[in-house]
Amino acid sequence: MNSSTATLTMSVEEAAKELGICVKIAYDLTHRQDFPTIKIGRRTRISREGLREWVRQQEQSRKETTI
């Protein structure tokens, strides 16, 4: 998806695909305090930029724990 057609948020299913995980695990992640979810009505959406930042934070905390 190029920047002119990218949306600000994605569905849980799209996030699962981006992360390479199953949808069940993606839904489990939406219940974590540090996961970038947005509630719009009854829908749970995930911020694209927030997801990128969350992944960076996970990488950083993993590096810090292995040092």
Protein backbone atom coordinates (compact mmCIF):
# COMPACT_ATOMS: atom_id res chain seq x y z
CA MET A 1 0.00 0.00 0.00
CA ASN A 2 1.50 3.35 -0.93
CA SER A 3 1.26 6.44 1.24
CA SER A 4 -1.48 8.05 -0.85
CA THR A 5 -3.90 5.14 -0.27
CA ALA A 6 -2.83 4.03 3.22
CA THR A 7 -5.35 4.46 6.00
CA LEU A 8 -4.43 5.67 9.46
CA THR A 9 -5.73 2.50 11.06
CA MET A 10 -6.12 -1.15 10.21
CA SER A 11 -8.33 -4.00 11.32
CA VAL A 12 -7.13 -6.66 13.72
CA GLU A 13 -7.04 -9.09 10.81
CA GLU A 14 -4.81 -6.74 8.79
CA ALA A 15 -2.52 -6.25 11.79
CA ALA A 16 -2.24 -10.02 12.22
CA LYS A 17 -1.19 -10.32 8.59
CA GLU A 18 1.36 -7.46 8.97
CA LEU A 19 2.83 -9.12 12.07
CA GLY A 20 2.76 -12.62 10.59
CA ILE A 21 0.65 -14.02 13.42
CA CYS A 22 -2.76 -15.65 13.65
CA VAL A 23 -5.86 -13.50 14.20
CA LYS A 24 -6.49 -15.06 17.66
CA ILE A 25 -3.12 -13.87 18.93
CA ALA A 26 -3.70 -10.44 17.40
CA TYR A 27 -7.01 -10.18 19.29
CA ASP A 28 -5.19 -11.23 22.47
CA LEU A 29 -2.70 -8.40 21.90
CA THR A 30 -5.54 -5.86 21.70
CA HIS A 31 -6.14 -6.43 25.42
CA ARG A 32 -2.61 -5.32 26.36
CA GLN A 33 -2.26 -1.81 27.75
CA ASP A 34 0.77 -1.05 25.57
CA PHE A 35 -0.78 -2.22 22.28
CA PRO A 36 -1.94 0.67 20.04
CA THR A 37 -5.67 0.01 19.76
CA ILE A 38 -8.39 2.54 19.04
CA LYS A 39 -12.06 1.86 19.69
CA ILE A 40 -14.39 3.36 17.09
CA GLY A 41 -17.89 2.43 18.09
CA ARG A 42 -17.79 -1.32 18.61
CA ARG A 43 -14.86 -1.79 16.26
CA THR A 44 -11.30 -2.23 17.40
CA ARG A 45 -8.81 -0.60 15.05
CA ILE A 46 -5.03 -0.50 15.27
CA SER A 47 -2.95 2.56 14.50
CA ARG A 48 -0.48 1.87 11.70
CA GLU A 49 2.12 4.25 13.14
CA GLY A 50 1.40 3.01 16.65
CA LEU A 51 1.96 -0.58 15.54
CA ARG A 52 5.32 0.35 14.00
CA GLU A 53 6.34 2.06 17.23
CA TRP A 54 5.10 -0.87 19.35
CA VAL A 55 7.22 -3.28 17.28
CA ARG A 56 10.26 -0.99 17.74
CA GLN A 57 9.67 -0.95 21.50
CA GLN A 58 9.40 -4.73 21.60
CA GLU A 59 12.69 -5.03 19.72
CA GLN A 60 14.36 -2.54 22.06
CA SER A 61 13.15 -4.23 25.24
CA ARG A 62 14.29 -7.59 23.86
CA LYS A 63 17.76 -6.15 23.17
CA GLU A 64 17.93 -4.70 26.69
CA THR A 65 17.02 -8.01 28.33
CA THR A 66 19.65 -9.95 26.35
CA ILE A 67 22.53 -7.62 27.26
